[in-house]
Protein backbone atom coordinates (compact mmCIF):
# COMPACT_ATOMS: atom_id res chain seq x y z
CA MET A 1 -21.02 198.17 244.54
CA ASP A 2 -19.85 201.45 241.83
CA ASN A 3 -19.95 199.95 238.94
CA THR A 4 -18.94 203.14 237.39
CA LYS A 5 -15.17 201.22 238.63
CA ILE A 6 -13.29 198.38 237.53
CA GLY A 7 -11.94 195.08 239.66
CA ASN A 8 -9.16 193.60 239.76
CA LYS A 9 -9.21 190.94 237.06
CA GLU A 10 -10.50 193.30 234.58
CA ALA A 11 -7.87 195.95 234.90
CA ILE A 12 -5.78 192.96 234.45
CA ALA A 13 -7.52 191.74 230.79
CA LEU A 14 -7.69 194.99 230.06
CA LEU A 15 -4.18 195.97 230.01
CA VAL A 16 -2.68 192.60 227.91
CA THR A 17 -5.67 193.34 225.82
CA ILE A 18 -4.02 195.83 224.27
CA THR A 19 -0.28 194.72 224.43
CA PHE A 20 -2.17 191.00 222.70
CA ASN A 21 -3.08 193.61 220.00
CA HIS A 22 0.11 195.07 219.33
CA ILE A 23 1.64 191.19 219.38
CA ILE A 24 -0.82 190.29 216.68
CA LEU A 25 -0.35 192.95 213.76
CA ASN A 26 3.57 193.62 213.40
CA ILE A 27 5.26 193.79 216.94
CA THR A 28 6.78 189.86 216.63
CA LYS A 29 8.24 191.04 212.87
CA THR A 30 9.89 194.56 214.62
CA ILE A 31 11.57 192.92 217.24
CA ILE A 32 13.31 189.59 215.18
CA ASP A 33 14.38 192.32 212.31
CA THR A 34 15.59 194.58 215.02
CA THR A 35 17.30 191.11 217.57
CA ALA A 36 16.91 188.31 215.60
CA SER A 37 18.15 184.96 217.37
CA GLY A 38 18.23 187.33 220.13
CA SER A 39 15.03 188.35 220.38
CA LEU A 40 13.39 185.27 223.34
CA LEU A 41 16.61 187.18 225.56
CA ASN A 42 16.04 190.36 224.47
CA ILE A 43 12.37 190.54 225.63
CA LEU A 44 13.24 188.49 229.12
CA TYR A 45 15.71 191.71 229.52
CA ILE A 46 12.78 194.15 228.45
CA GLY A 47 10.02 192.47 229.96
CA LEU A 48 12.58 192.54 233.07
CA ILE A 49 13.17 196.68 233.09
CA THR A 50 9.81 196.97 232.55
CA ILE A 51 8.81 195.58 235.17
CA ILE A 52 11.86 197.72 237.39
CA PHE A 53 9.86 200.72 235.29
CA THR A 54 6.38 199.93 236.12
CA SER A 55 7.40 199.07 240.00
CA ILE A 56 8.63 203.20 239.93
CA ILE A 57 5.68 204.76 238.24
CA CYS A 58 3.63 202.84 240.74
CA TYR A 59 5.05 204.00 243.66
CA PHE A 60 4.69 207.12 242.28
CA LEU A 61 1.14 206.70 241.25
CA ASN A 62 0.51 205.70 245.12
CA LYS A 63 1.18 209.15 246.47
CA PHE A 64 -1.21 210.86 244.39
CA PRO A 65 -4.53 208.33 245.55
CA THR A 66 -7.42 208.38 242.63
CA PHE A 67 -5.25 211.03 240.82
CA ASP A 68 -4.09 210.36 236.57
CA ILE A 69 -1.72 211.74 234.75
CA ILE A 70 -3.83 214.92 233.68
CA ASP A 71 -4.52 215.44 237.75
CA ILE A 72 -0.72 214.81 238.60
CA SER A 73 0.19 217.80 235.44
CA LYS A 74 -2.40 219.81 236.91
CA PHE A 75 -0.75 219.75 240.68
CA LEU A 76 3.10 219.99 239.55
CA GLY A 77 2.45 222.85 236.66
CA GLY A 78 -1.43 224.28 236.75
CA ASN A 79 -3.31 223.78 233.28
CA VAL A 80 -1.34 224.70 231.27
CA LEU A 81 0.72 221.88 231.97
CA LYS A 82 -2.29 219.68 232.34
CA TRP A 83 -3.02 220.60 229.15
CA ILE A 84 -0.12 220.00 227.13
CA ILE A 85 -0.21 216.63 228.88
CA GLY A 86 -3.44 215.59 227.99
CA LEU A 87 -3.19 216.97 224.16
CA LEU A 88 0.31 215.18 223.45
CA PHE A 89 -2.13 211.66 225.26
CA LEU A 90 -5.02 212.11 222.83
CA GLY A 91 -2.12 212.35 219.58
CA TYR A 92 -0.91 210.08 220.70
CA PHE A 93 -3.82 207.04 221.65
CA ILE A 94 -5.78 208.93 218.42
CA PHE A 95 -3.73 208.93 215.99
CA PHE A 96 -1.27 205.69 216.02
CA SER A 97 -5.00 203.65 217.34
CA GLY A 98 -5.69 204.79 214.12
CA VAL A 99 -2.67 203.35 212.48
CA LEU A 100 -3.22 200.22 213.77
CA LEU A 101 -6.68 200.70 212.33
CA HIS A 102 -5.31 200.56 209.19
CA LEU A 103 -2.66 197.46 209.22
CA PHE A 104 -5.46 195.14 210.37
CA SER A 105 -8.07 196.85 208.36
CA SER A 106 -5.46 196.28 204.61
CA CYS A 107 -4.68 192.96 206.29
CA LEU A 108 -8.27 191.71 206.64
CA GLN A 109 -8.83 193.09 203.17
CA ILE A 110 -5.85 191.46 201.58
CA ILE A 111 -6.74 188.64 203.47
CA TYR A 112 -10.91 187.74 203.35
CA PHE A 113 -12.21 190.28 201.58
CA SER A 114 -10.26 191.85 198.40
CA TYR A 115 -13.14 193.59 196.34
CA THR A 116 -13.96 195.68 199.73
CA LYS A 117 -11.99 198.43 200.17
CA THR A 118 -10.15 199.47 203.13
CA ILE A 119 -12.16 201.99 204.90
CA TYR A 120 -15.27 200.47 204.71
CA ILE A 121 -13.35 197.72 207.04
CA ALA A 122 -12.51 200.62 209.21
CA LEU A 123 -15.64 202.24 208.88
CA LEU A 124 -17.06 199.03 210.76
CA PHE A 125 -14.89 198.86 212.94
CA ILE A 126 -15.57 202.26 214.50
CA ILE A 127 -18.18 201.66 214.56
CA ALA A 128 -18.90 198.73 216.41
CA ALA A 129 -16.04 199.88 219.20
CA THR A 130 -18.20 203.80 219.92
CA VAL A 131 -20.96 201.39 219.84
CA ALA A 132 -19.48 199.15 222.55
CA SER A 133 -17.35 202.23 224.23
CA SER A 134 -20.76 204.28 224.50
CA MET A 135 -22.18 201.13 227.05
CA LYS A 136 -23.24 202.78 230.45
CA TYR A 137 -21.45 201.20 233.44
CA ASN A 138 -18.14 201.08 231.65
CA ALA A 139 -19.43 197.26 230.23
CA ILE A 140 -17.06 197.56 227.91
CA TYR A 141 -14.59 196.59 230.91
CA ARG A 142 -16.40 193.79 231.85
CA SER A 143 -16.66 192.36 227.88
CA THR A 144 -13.28 192.12 227.54
CA LEU A 145 -12.93 189.84 230.72
CA ILE A 146 -14.93 187.78 228.85
CA ILE A 147 -12.53 188.05 226.04
CA PHE A 148 -9.81 187.17 227.44
CA PRO A 149 -9.58 183.12 228.31
CA PHE A 150 -10.46 183.17 224.59
CA LEU A 151 -6.82 185.18 223.98
CA ILE A 152 -5.18 182.77 226.01
CA VAL A 153 -6.66 179.49 224.69
CA SER A 154 -6.42 180.05 220.94
CA THR A 155 -2.62 181.14 221.62
CA LEU A 156 -1.43 178.52 224.00
CA PHE A 157 -3.43 176.10 221.60
CA LEU A 158 -1.09 178.01 218.48
CA LEU A 159 1.86 176.94 220.54
CA PHE A 160 1.27 173.47 221.08
CA SER A 161 -0.63 173.00 217.11
CA ASP A 162 3.03 174.44 215.72
CA MET A 163 5.37 172.87 217.85
CA ILE A 164 5.23 169.64 216.05
CA PHE A 165 7.15 172.26 212.79
CA PHE A 166 9.75 173.83 215.68
CA GLN A 167 12.84 174.64 215.02
CA PRO A 168 14.71 175.35 218.35
CA GLU A 169 18.49 175.65 217.10
CA LYS A 170 17.21 179.51 215.30
CA MET A 171 17.80 181.08 218.55
CA TYR A 172 21.62 180.44 218.12
CA PRO A 173 23.35 182.61 218.20
CA ILE A 174 22.01 183.61 221.03
CA PHE A 175 22.95 187.02 221.30
CA GLY A 176 21.94 187.37 217.55
CA TYR A 177 23.18 190.70 215.58
CA GLY A 178 25.47 191.28 219.01
CA LEU A 179 25.10 192.51 222.69
CA PHE A 180 24.89 195.78 221.30
CA PRO A 181 21.66 195.04 219.38
CA THR A 182 19.52 192.63 222.09
CA PHE A 183 20.68 195.19 225.17
CA VAL A 184 21.31 198.47 223.96
CA ALA A 185 19.18 199.28 220.74
CA GLY A 186 17.57 196.46 221.56
CA ILE A 187 15.54 198.61 224.62
CA CYS A 188 13.44 200.33 222.55
CA ASN A 189 11.13 196.99 222.04
CA MET A 190 9.75 198.27 225.30
CA PHE A 191 7.33 200.74 223.00
CA ALA A 192 5.83 196.40 222.64
CA PHE A 193 4.59 196.68 226.40
CA GLN A 194 2.00 199.88 225.06
CA ALA A 195 -0.09 199.27 228.45
CA LEU A 196 2.21 201.43 230.17
CA ALA A 197 0.32 204.19 228.01
CA TYR A 198 -2.63 203.16 230.25
CA ILE A 199 -1.22 202.88 233.37
CA TYR A 200 -1.47 206.67 234.31
CA PHE A 201 -4.96 206.70 234.04
CA MET A 202 -5.75 203.59 235.72
CA PRO A 203 -6.27 204.68 239.46
CA PRO A 204 -9.40 207.01 238.91
CA ILE A 205 -11.56 203.98 237.64
CA LEU A 206 -9.56 200.59 239.79
CA ARG A 207 -12.40 200.31 242.63
CA GLU A 208 -9.09 199.17 244.47
CA PRO A 209 -7.26 202.11 243.74
CA ASN A 210 -4.25 200.95 246.27
CA LYS A 211 -3.51 197.72 243.98
CA VAL A 212 -2.43 199.82 241.14
CA LYS A 213 0.83 198.42 241.57
CA LYS A 214 -0.68 194.58 241.77
CA ILE A 215 -2.35 195.49 238.93
CA ALA A 216 0.40 196.86 236.70
CA ILE A 217 3.32 193.90 237.28
CA THR A 218 0.46 191.07 236.97
CA SER A 219 -0.37 192.38 233.44
CA ILE A 220 3.55 193.31 232.57
CA VAL A 221 4.21 189.85 233.14
CA LEU A 222 1.17 188.15 231.16
CA SER A 223 2.40 190.48 228.26
CA CYS A 224 5.69 189.28 228.72
CA ILE A 225 4.73 186.09 228.08
CA PHE A 226 2.35 185.85 225.13
CA LEU A 227 5.61 188.04 223.57
CA LEU A 228 7.24 185.42 224.58
CA ILE A 229 4.98 182.24 222.76
CA ALA A 230 4.49 184.44 219.83
CA VAL A 231 8.74 185.54 219.67
CA ALA A 232 9.05 181.80 219.71
CA ILE A 233 6.34 180.78 217.31
CA ILE A 234 7.63 182.89 214.82
CA LEU A 235 11.04 182.48 215.15
CA PHE A 236 11.40 178.31 215.63
CA MET A 237 9.14 178.28 212.93
CA PHE A 238 10.84 180.52 209.80
CA ASN A 239 13.19 181.65 209.07
CA GLY A 240 13.70 184.89 210.51
CA PHE A 241 11.03 186.19 208.47
CA VAL A 242 11.82 185.42 205.36
CA ASP A 243 9.82 182.68 204.36
CA THR A 244 6.38 184.78 205.66
CA ASP A 245 4.01 187.05 205.01
CA GLU A 246 3.95 190.43 206.10
CA LEU A 247 0.72 190.41 207.43
CA MET A 248 0.27 189.52 210.87
CA PRO A 249 3.02 187.58 211.33
CA LEU A 250 0.95 185.33 213.99
CA TYR A 251 -1.30 184.13 210.53
CA SER A 252 1.16 182.92 208.99
CA ALA A 253 1.69 180.36 211.90
CA VAL A 254 -1.76 179.76 211.75
CA LYS A 255 -1.73 178.36 208.88
CA TYR A 256 -0.06 175.47 209.42
CA ILE A 257 -2.56 174.12 212.67
CA GLU A 258 -4.63 170.38 210.99
CA TYR A 259 -5.45 168.01 212.83
CA GLY A 260 -6.86 165.63 210.38
CA SER A 261 -9.76 166.26 207.44
CA PHE A 262 -12.15 167.28 209.86
CA PHE A 263 -9.70 170.53 211.32
CA GLN A 264 -7.54 172.31 208.37
CA LYS A 265 -7.59 175.81 208.23
CA LEU A 266 -8.86 176.63 211.24
CA ASP A 267 -7.13 180.51 210.29
CA SER A 268 -11.14 181.98 210.33
CA ILE A 269 -11.57 180.84 213.98
CA PHE A 270 -8.55 182.71 215.38
CA VAL A 271 -9.54 186.00 212.86
CA LEU A 272 -12.26 186.01 214.79
CA ILE A 273 -11.12 185.75 218.38
CA TRP A 274 -8.79 188.75 217.24
CA ILE A 275 -11.46 191.01 214.87
CA ILE A 276 -13.28 191.21 218.28
CA SER A 277 -10.59 191.54 220.23
CA PHE A 278 -9.41 194.42 218.34
CA ILE A 279 -12.39 195.41 219.19
CA SER A 280 -12.31 195.36 222.23
CA PHE A 281 -8.88 198.01 221.84
CA LEU A 282 -10.80 200.31 220.22
CA SER A 283 -13.46 200.02 222.68
CA ILE A 284 -10.79 200.80 225.48
CA THR A 285 -8.98 203.35 223.85
CA LEU A 286 -12.35 205.64 223.32
CA LYS A 287 -12.76 205.43 227.05
CA PHE A 288 -9.88 206.79 227.93
CA CYS A 289 -9.63 209.04 225.57
CA ASP A 290 -13.12 210.08 226.63
CA ILE A 291 -11.33 209.61 230.18
CA ILE A 292 -9.05 212.89 229.60
CA PHE A 293 -11.58 215.05 227.19
CA LYS A 294 -13.73 215.21 230.58
CA LYS A 295 -11.11 215.84 232.51
CA LEU A 296 -9.24 219.15 230.19
CA THR A 297 -12.77 220.42 229.68
CA ASN A 298 -14.67 219.40 232.55
CA ALA A 299 -17.86 218.35 231.43
CA ASN A 300 -19.95 215.53 232.48
CA THR A 301 -20.73 213.80 229.65
CA GLY A 302 -18.68 211.92 226.87
CA ILE A 303 -20.53 211.38 224.51
CA PHE A 304 -19.69 213.77 222.11
CA PHE A 305 -16.20 213.06 223.28
CA THR A 306 -16.16 209.06 222.51
CA PHE A 307 -17.76 210.55 218.65
CA LEU A 308 -15.29 213.60 217.83
CA THR A 309 -12.54 210.52 219.06
CA ALA A 310 -13.87 207.95 216.59
CA VAL A 311 -13.77 210.26 213.90
CA GLY A 312 -10.31 211.27 214.39
CA ILE A 313 -9.12 207.28 215.19
CA PHE A 314 -10.68 206.85 211.75
CA ILE A 315 -9.65 209.84 209.91
CA ALA A 316 -5.55 209.01 211.47
CA SER A 317 -6.19 205.15 209.36
CA ILE A 318 -7.67 206.17 206.23
CA TRP A 319 -5.29 209.13 205.95
CA GLN A 320 -2.49 206.09 205.47
CA LYS A 321 -2.05 205.73 201.96
CA ASN A 322 -0.92 202.29 201.74
CA TYR A 323 0.53 199.09 203.90
CA ALA A 324 4.12 200.23 203.96
CA ILE A 325 3.56 203.54 205.54
CA SER A 326 1.64 202.43 207.97
CA ILE A 327 4.44 199.70 208.98
CA TYR A 328 6.42 202.61 209.05
CA LEU A 329 4.84 204.28 211.56
CA ALA A 330 3.82 201.60 213.64
CA ASP A 331 7.57 200.07 213.04
CA THR A 332 9.54 203.16 213.77
CA VAL A 333 6.92 206.73 214.58
CA TYR A 334 5.02 204.66 216.98
CA LYS A 335 8.32 203.38 218.52
CA TYR A 336 9.77 206.79 219.56
CA SER A 337 7.15 208.40 220.84
CA PHE A 338 6.24 206.16 223.40
CA MET A 339 9.53 206.16 224.28
CA ILE A 340 9.72 209.92 224.33
CA LEU A 341 5.98 211.00 225.99
CA VAL A 342 5.29 207.28 227.83
CA ILE A 343 8.66 206.24 229.05
CA GLY A 344 10.02 210.01 229.04
CA ILE A 345 7.81 212.51 229.64
CA SER A 346 5.56 211.52 231.82
CA PHE A 347 8.20 209.85 234.54
CA LEU A 348 9.43 212.75 234.75
CA VAL A 349 5.34 215.00 235.69
CA LEU A 350 5.01 211.90 238.47
CA LEU A 351 8.76 212.57 239.73
CA PHE A 352 8.88 216.26 239.92
CA ALA A 353 5.07 215.94 241.23
CA THR A 354 6.05 213.52 243.83
CA ILE A 355 9.41 215.74 244.10
CA LYS A 356 6.69 219.39 245.37
CA ARG A 357 4.88 216.81 246.61
CA LYS A 358 7.31 216.75 249.57
CA ILE A 359 8.91 220.39 249.98
CA ARG A 360 5.32 221.20 250.53
CA LYS A 361 5.01 218.90 253.43
CA TRP A 362 8.34 219.34 254.70
CA PHE A 363 6.85 222.86 254.94
CA LYS A 364 4.06 222.50 256.21
């Protein structure tokens, strides 16, 4: 067995964990602010579109077995396009991981560590993620598979525990602000499925690259279920989002869990699970950035690149002056960067590379 490759279950856990970390931060608020009571319908809608889109990109990826988006870019436009796409993804992963790191660190500081500066919390996250990412034989992927069941169980436990506070009538009017915000403007909520950005790099690291479609579709479906549960909890429990704290929307719901005198204030358990999950997310991002650096420079070792990426994420995190800037970057800049790079540019690269491959076959 090749210890440098990952299995199907590990790959699914990896992709869903990436999306889950966006769910526990601020994505639920963004979706509800955009589509209001039409949020659940919007998630089903964008979920279906994302599944169709994922099927298409996996069809293109299967035309280039063991190739990722960097290799395909080189095939299409040589080293110039390879470097352009590589640098765009590096900037995307590093900068927005820094944004999420600042968001999560700020939340933890306000909730638990009011006397600790955000920079120190972010630094601890970066150190932990760097150590985990530097382990041999892709240990971080296997660790993510171990953590994954805790994400499932904790989310289902939160759903069933808070059901007594649900007011299902809050899903009406079912179209929220109207058809346009729900089905046209709301399509940008596809950025909730951040795993799409990582799918472009999956084939070379899989033991069975031909199963990339099955892995990708399964992860998108599971991510959609997680997103539906999270939005339903917030939507049915609170008035839109007016009555809740803007710090990690699900955290506001966790505080309502209570089982008698001996099982109160379980929020610390949930936050611990989310912290471990977030470290996994950062470690995965470091791994993927390491892959990009190696492809661009043709280097064999990635320890230096892992350290360089970690420093970049840390700088991107501390660069933000306050929580409001992070929210703007996560809700607006992140959304449109995703649509442009992941949905637009990368898709066009796959499309034109497939056309070029077919033309070459015709003339052979």
